Amino acid sequence: MAKWTFEPGHTAAEFRARHMMVTYVRGHFKNIHGTLEFDLESPEKSSLEVQIDAREIWTGVKERDDHLRSADFLDVEHYPEMTFAGNQVEVKGEHDYAVTGDLTIRGVTRKATLNVRYLGQWATPWWEDGVNKGPRTRAGFLATTQINRQDFGVSWQDTMDRGGIVVSNEIDIAIDVEAVLDNA
């Protein structure tokens, strides 16, 4: 089974939540680390591990980012990392898979399924200290899911008139992965 390592500079996660019942607020995480074992010939044997530094949340508004880092939401002082580890893979199509595993947010672990699309691979340059030491093989993946934040203890809320809420419980997540084949 081929082993791949995420390229943190080219891997990112995005989330979105309904805000004030009328629109979505989006946030991002960069510098994501992870590994996967993946071979196109036997994708059902794949496995995946992802680590996201919750302290690096960014929505573009400092005050909101600080609130999301606080104990009201991610409580990064006590839970600085979010993780996913999965090895239950269901082949859904030629390049589409459902990967089920353990998602941990705020120290709470629940089963989650990522819908993963393999985007292909390519031999590319590999730059180190300004020198091309390539080629290295890179592969792309897009993983999406939806979670209920309440399941992970992310429960801050405020109500509005007519029963509206400030932040939706359903959070959409998308992770863009660029992985490099280990040449070991």
C-alpha atoms as a PDB file:
ATOM      1  CA  MET A   1       0.000   0.000   0.000  1.00  0.00           C
ATOM      2  CA  ALA A   2       1.424   3.381  -0.995  1.00  0.00           C
ATOM      3  CA  LYS A   3       2.066   5.814   1.868  1.00  0.00           C
ATOM      4  CA  TRP A   4       1.356   9.523   1.379  1.00  0.00           C
ATOM      5  CA  THR A   5       2.052  12.570   3.541  1.00  0.00           C
ATOM      6  CA  PHE A   6      -0.011  15.739   3.446  1.00  0.00           C
ATOM      7  CA  GLU A   7       1.778  18.816   2.158  1.00  0.00           C
ATOM      8  CA  PRO A   8       0.714  21.291   4.893  1.00  0.00           C
ATOM      9  CA  GLY A   9       1.257  24.363   2.715  1.00  0.00           C
ATOM     10  CA  HIS A  10      -1.164  23.040   0.109  1.00  0.00           C
ATOM     11  CA  THR A  11      -3.762  21.403   2.341  1.00  0.00           C
ATOM     12  CA  ALA A  12      -6.634  23.321   3.944  1.00  0.00           C
ATOM     13  CA  ALA A  13      -9.936  22.767   5.716  1.00  0.00           C
ATOM     14  CA  GLU A  14     -12.975  24.993   5.428  1.00  0.00           C
ATOM     15  CA  PHE A  15     -16.138  24.998   7.487  1.00  0.00           C
ATOM     16  CA  ARG A  16     -19.368  26.891   7.195  1.00  0.00           C
ATOM     17  CA  ALA A  17     -22.213  27.487   9.616  1.00  0.00           C
ATOM     18  CA  ARG A  18     -25.500  29.295   9.186  1.00  0.00           C
ATOM     19  CA  HIS A  19     -25.443  32.648  10.941  1.00  0.00           C
ATOM     20  CA  MET A  20     -28.460  34.585  12.193  1.00  0.00           C
ATOM     21  CA  MET A  21     -30.764  32.324  10.136  1.00  0.00           C
ATOM     22  CA  VAL A  22     -29.950  34.165   6.898  1.00  0.00           C
ATOM     23  CA  THR A  23     -26.447  33.459   5.612  1.00  0.00           C
ATOM     24  CA  TYR A  24     -23.289  31.396   6.117  1.00  0.00           C
ATOM     25  CA  VAL A  25     -20.083  32.270   7.912  1.00  0.00           C
ATOM     26  CA  ARG A  26     -17.016  30.453   6.627  1.00  0.00           C
ATOM     27  CA  GLY A  27     -13.787  29.693   8.401  1.00  0.00           C
ATOM     28  CA  HIS A  28     -10.487  28.107   7.467  1.00  0.00           C
ATOM     29  CA  PHE A  29      -7.651  26.085   8.874  1.00  0.00           C
ATOM     30  CA  LYS A  30      -4.257  25.887   7.147  1.00  0.00           C
ATOM     31  CA  ASN A  31      -1.086  23.975   7.974  1.00  0.00           C
ATOM     32  CA  ILE A  32      -2.959  20.687   8.259  1.00  0.00           C
ATOM     33  CA  HIS A  33      -0.905  17.550   8.853  1.00  0.00           C
ATOM     34  CA  GLY A  34      -1.807  14.013   7.984  1.00  0.00           C
ATOM     35  CA  THR A  35      -0.907  10.741   6.364  1.00  0.00           C
ATOM     36  CA  LEU A  36      -2.774   8.243   4.313  1.00  0.00           C
ATOM     37  CA  GLU A  37      -2.235   4.842   2.879  1.00  0.00           C
ATOM     38  CA  PHE A  38      -3.857   4.731  -0.540  1.00  0.00           C
ATOM     39  CA  ASP A  39      -3.507   2.708  -3.696  1.00  0.00           C
ATOM     40  CA  LEU A  40      -5.925   3.181  -6.585  1.00  0.00           C
ATOM     41  CA  GLU A  41      -5.866  -0.589  -7.212  1.00  0.00           C
ATOM     42  CA  SER A  42      -7.196  -1.404  -3.717  1.00  0.00           C
ATOM     43  CA  PRO A  43      -8.768   1.729  -2.213  1.00  0.00           C
ATOM     44  CA  GLU A  44     -10.892  -0.295   0.225  1.00  0.00           C
ATOM     45  CA  LYS A  45      -7.674  -1.022   2.180  1.00  0.00           C
ATOM     46  CA  SER A  46      -6.917   2.682   2.666  1.00  0.00           C
ATOM     47  CA  SER A  47      -6.466   4.492   5.963  1.00  0.00           C
ATOM     48  CA  LEU A  48      -6.258   8.152   6.899  1.00  0.00           C
ATOM     49  CA  GLU A  49      -5.028  10.256   9.839  1.00  0.00           C
ATOM     50  CA  VAL A  50      -5.494  14.038  10.022  1.00  0.00           C
ATOM     51  CA  GLN A  51      -4.413  16.622  12.618  1.00  0.00           C
ATOM     52  CA  ILE A  52      -5.750  20.193  12.607  1.00  0.00           C
ATOM     53  CA  ASP A  53      -4.429  22.902  14.928  1.00  0.00           C
ATOM     54  CA  ALA A  54      -7.655  24.449  16.288  1.00  0.00           C
ATOM     55  CA  ARG A  55      -5.737  27.519  17.484  1.00  0.00           C
ATOM     56  CA  GLU A  56      -5.198  28.543  13.856  1.00  0.00           C
ATOM     57  CA  ILE A  57      -8.874  29.098  13.068  1.00  0.00           C
ATOM     58  CA  TRP A  58      -9.451  32.058  10.742  1.00  0.00           C
ATOM     59  CA  THR A  59     -12.740  33.635   9.653  1.00  0.00           C
ATOM     60  CA  GLY A  60     -11.405  37.068   8.780  1.00  0.00           C
ATOM     61  CA  VAL A  61     -12.785  38.768  11.903  1.00  0.00           C
ATOM     62  CA  LYS A  62     -10.435  38.822  14.905  1.00  0.00           C
ATOM     63  CA  GLU A  63     -13.187  39.149  17.506  1.00  0.00           C
ATOM     64  CA  ARG A  64     -15.104  36.202  16.039  1.00  0.00           C
ATOM     65  CA  ASP A  65     -11.916  34.120  15.776  1.00  0.00           C
ATOM     66  CA  ASP A  66     -11.141  34.843  19.442  1.00  0.00           C
ATOM     67  CA  HIS A  67     -14.699  33.820  20.400  1.00  0.00           C
ATOM     68  CA  LEU A  68     -14.413  30.592  18.383  1.00  0.00           C
ATOM     69  CA  ARG A  69     -11.125  29.780  20.183  1.00  0.00           C
ATOM     70  CA  SER A  70     -12.751  30.382  23.591  1.00  0.00           C
ATOM     71  CA  ALA A  71     -14.443  27.842  25.877  1.00  0.00           C
ATOM     72  CA  ASP A  72     -17.778  28.825  24.250  1.00  0.00           C
ATOM     73  CA  PHE A  73     -16.727  26.970  21.104  1.00  0.00           C
ATOM     74  CA  LEU A  74     -13.446  25.085  20.492  1.00  0.00           C
ATOM     75  CA  ASP A  75     -11.781  25.760  23.881  1.00  0.00           C
ATOM     76  CA  VAL A  76      -8.332  25.668  22.288  1.00  0.00           C
ATOM     77  CA  GLU A  77      -6.609  26.288  25.620  1.00  0.00           C
ATOM     78  CA  HIS A  78      -7.632  22.778  26.688  1.00  0.00           C
ATOM     79  CA  TYR A  79      -8.149  21.146  23.264  1.00  0.00           C
ATOM     80  CA  PRO A  80      -5.647  22.630  20.797  1.00  0.00           C
ATOM     81  CA  GLU A  81      -6.012  19.864  18.207  1.00  0.00           C
ATOM     82  CA  MET A  82      -8.819  18.264  16.218  1.00  0.00           C
ATOM     83  CA  THR A  83      -8.190  14.834  14.682  1.00  0.00           C
ATOM     84  CA  PHE A  84      -9.699  12.276  12.341  1.00  0.00           C
ATOM     85  CA  ALA A  85      -8.521   8.662  11.995  1.00  0.00           C
ATOM     86  CA  GLY A  86     -10.353   6.311   9.666  1.00  0.00           C
ATOM     87  CA  ASN A  87      -9.817   2.979   7.959  1.00  0.00           C
ATOM     88  CA  GLN A  88     -13.314   1.798   7.073  1.00  0.00           C
ATOM     89  CA  VAL A  89     -13.516   2.533   3.347  1.00  0.00           C
ATOM     90  CA  GLU A  90     -16.502   1.968   1.109  1.00  0.00           C
ATOM     91  CA  VAL A  91     -15.964   2.361  -2.627  1.00  0.00           C
ATOM     92  CA  LYS A  92     -18.787   4.565  -3.970  1.00  0.00           C
ATOM     93  CA  GLY A  93     -17.569   5.051  -7.547  1.00  0.00           C
ATOM     94  CA  GLU A  94     -14.469   5.026  -9.718  1.00  0.00           C
ATOM     95  CA  HIS A  95     -12.857   7.831  -7.694  1.00  0.00           C
ATOM     96  CA  ASP A  96     -15.331   8.275  -4.831  1.00  0.00           C
ATOM     97  CA  TYR A  97     -15.134   6.739  -1.378  1.00  0.00           C
ATOM     98  CA  ALA A  98     -16.779   6.954   2.037  1.00  0.00           C
ATOM     99  CA  VAL A  99     -14.184   6.824   4.816  1.00  0.00           C
ATOM    100  CA  THR A 100     -15.528   6.237   8.319  1.00  0.00           C
ATOM    101  CA  GLY A 101     -13.492   6.814  11.427  1.00  0.00           C
ATOM    102  CA  ASP A 102     -13.140   8.695  14.684  1.00  0.00           C
ATOM    103  CA  LEU A 103     -13.455  12.486  14.669  1.00  0.00           C
ATOM    104  CA  THR A 104     -12.283  14.244  17.843  1.00  0.00           C
ATOM    105  CA  ILE A 105     -13.208  17.857  18.630  1.00  0.00           C
ATOM    106  CA  ARG A 106     -12.929  19.387  22.125  1.00  0.00           C
ATOM    107  CA  GLY A 107     -11.789  16.017  23.448  1.00  0.00           C
ATOM    108  CA  VAL A 108     -15.046  14.342  22.346  1.00  0.00           C
ATOM    109  CA  THR A 109     -14.745  11.488  19.848  1.00  0.00           C
ATOM    110  CA  ARG A 110     -17.599  10.419  17.573  1.00  0.00           C
ATOM    111  CA  LYS A 111     -17.873   8.331  14.418  1.00  0.00           C
ATOM    112  CA  ALA A 112     -17.915  10.419  11.255  1.00  0.00           C
ATOM    113  CA  THR A 113     -17.899   9.617   7.556  1.00  0.00           C
ATOM    114  CA  LEU A 114     -15.933  11.644   5.045  1.00  0.00           C
ATOM    115  CA  ASN A 115     -17.055  11.597   1.425  1.00  0.00           C
ATOM    116  CA  VAL A 116     -13.722  11.522  -0.398  1.00  0.00           C
ATOM    117  CA  ARG A 117     -13.055  12.180  -4.063  1.00  0.00           C
ATOM    118  CA  TYR A 118      -9.680  11.226  -5.519  1.00  0.00           C
ATOM    119  CA  LEU A 119      -8.644  14.028  -7.889  1.00  0.00           C
ATOM    120  CA  GLY A 120      -5.670  12.294  -9.525  1.00  0.00           C
ATOM    121  CA  GLN A 121      -1.902  12.358  -9.267  1.00  0.00           C
ATOM    122  CA  TRP A 122       0.994  13.904 -11.104  1.00  0.00           C
ATOM    123  CA  ALA A 123       4.799  13.870 -11.090  1.00  0.00           C
ATOM    124  CA  THR A 124       5.827  17.390 -10.037  1.00  0.00           C
ATOM    125  CA  PRO A 125       8.905  19.409  -9.128  1.00  0.00           C
ATOM    126  CA  TRP A 126      10.073  19.258  -5.501  1.00  0.00           C
ATOM    127  CA  TRP A 127      11.753  22.431  -4.312  1.00  0.00           C
ATOM    128  CA  GLU A 128      14.075  22.513  -1.315  1.00  0.00           C
ATOM    129  CA  ASP A 129      16.199  25.561  -0.536  1.00  0.00           C
ATOM    130  CA  GLY A 130      15.546  26.962  -4.004  1.00  0.00           C
ATOM    131  CA  VAL A 131      16.678  23.794  -5.787  1.00  0.00           C
ATOM    132  CA  ASN A 132      14.387  21.452  -7.738  1.00  0.00           C
ATOM    133  CA  LYS A 133      15.048  18.009  -6.255  1.00  0.00           C
ATOM    134  CA  GLY A 134      12.061  16.423  -7.988  1.00  0.00           C
ATOM    135  CA  PRO A 135      10.226  14.859  -9.388  1.00  0.00           C
ATOM    136  CA  ARG A 136       7.890  13.773  -6.603  1.00  0.00           C
ATOM    137  CA  THR A 137       4.435  12.285  -7.088  1.00  0.00           C
ATOM    138  CA  ARG A 138       1.550  14.316  -5.667  1.00  0.00           C
ATOM    139  CA  ALA A 139      -2.105  13.330  -5.384  1.00  0.00           C
ATOM    140  CA  GLY A 140      -5.186  15.418  -4.692  1.00  0.00           C
ATOM    141  CA  PHE A 141      -8.249  14.583  -2.618  1.00  0.00           C
ATOM    142  CA  LEU A 142     -11.378  16.458  -1.564  1.00  0.00           C
ATOM    143  CA  ALA A 143     -13.181  15.269   1.577  1.00  0.00           C
ATOM    144  CA  THR A 144     -16.549  16.624   2.718  1.00  0.00           C
ATOM    145  CA  THR A 145     -18.889  15.931   5.599  1.00  0.00           C
ATOM    146  CA  GLN A 146     -21.505  17.532   7.807  1.00  0.00           C
ATOM    147  CA  ILE A 147     -21.458  17.276  11.595  1.00  0.00           C
ATOM    148  CA  ASN A 148     -23.661  18.450  14.429  1.00  0.00           C
ATOM    149  CA  ARG A 149     -21.450  20.638  16.616  1.00  0.00           C
ATOM    150  CA  GLN A 150     -23.568  19.819  19.690  1.00  0.00           C
ATOM    151  CA  ASP A 151     -22.324  16.204  19.447  1.00  0.00           C
ATOM    152  CA  PHE A 152     -18.836  17.487  20.278  1.00  0.00           C
ATOM    153  CA  GLY A 153     -19.784  19.827  23.119  1.00  0.00           C
ATOM    154  CA  VAL A 154     -19.546  22.940  20.941  1.00  0.00           C
ATOM    155  CA  SER A 155     -22.785  24.245  22.354  1.00  0.00           C
ATOM    156  CA  TRP A 156     -22.708  28.039  22.723  1.00  0.00           C
ATOM    157  CA  GLN A 157     -25.931  29.542  21.410  1.00  0.00           C
ATOM    158  CA  ASP A 158     -28.087  32.590  21.594  1.00  0.00           C
ATOM    159  CA  THR A 159     -31.687  32.858  20.492  1.00  0.00           C
ATOM    160  CA  MET A 160     -33.426  35.412  18.345  1.00  0.00           C
ATOM    161  CA  ASP A 161     -37.028  36.427  17.989  1.00  0.00           C
ATOM    162  CA  ARG A 162     -39.485  33.890  16.505  1.00  0.00           C
ATOM    163  CA  GLY A 163     -37.298  31.005  17.708  1.00  0.00           C
ATOM    164  CA  GLY A 164     -34.309  31.733  15.496  1.00  0.00           C
ATOM    165  CA  ILE A 165     -30.762  30.864  16.525  1.00  0.00           C
ATOM    166  CA  VAL A 166     -27.485  32.706  16.034  1.00  0.00           C
ATOM    167  CA  VAL A 167     -25.349  29.711  14.946  1.00  0.00           C
ATOM    168  CA  SER A 168     -26.604  26.553  13.248  1.00  0.00           C
ATOM    169  CA  ASN A 169     -25.889  23.189  14.797  1.00  0.00           C
ATOM    170  CA  GLU A 170     -25.063  21.677  11.397  1.00  0.00           C
ATOM    171  CA  ILE A 171     -21.533  22.471  10.251  1.00  0.00           C
ATOM    172  CA  ASP A 172     -20.391  21.715   6.693  1.00  0.00           C
ATOM    173  CA  ILE A 173     -16.725  20.744   6.386  1.00  0.00           C
ATOM    174  CA  ALA A 174     -14.505  20.461   3.295  1.00  0.00           C
ATOM    175  CA  ILE A 175     -10.836  19.434   3.329  1.00  0.00           C
ATOM    176  CA  ASP A 176      -8.621  19.918   0.270  1.00  0.00           C
ATOM    177  CA  VAL A 177      -5.607  17.631   0.459  1.00  0.00           C
ATOM    178  CA  GLU A 178      -2.419  17.646  -1.550  1.00  0.00           C
ATOM    179  CA  ALA A 179      -0.405  14.586  -0.566  1.00  0.00           C
ATOM    180  CA  VAL A 180       3.114  13.603  -1.541  1.00  0.00           C
ATOM    181  CA  LEU A 181       4.081   9.988  -2.140  1.00  0.00           C
ATOM    182  CA  ASP A 182       6.710   8.836   0.352  1.00  0.00           C
ATOM    183  CA  ASN A 183       9.801   7.708  -1.544  1.00  0.00           C
ATOM    184  CA  ALA A 184      11.004   5.352   1.171  1.00  0.00           C
END
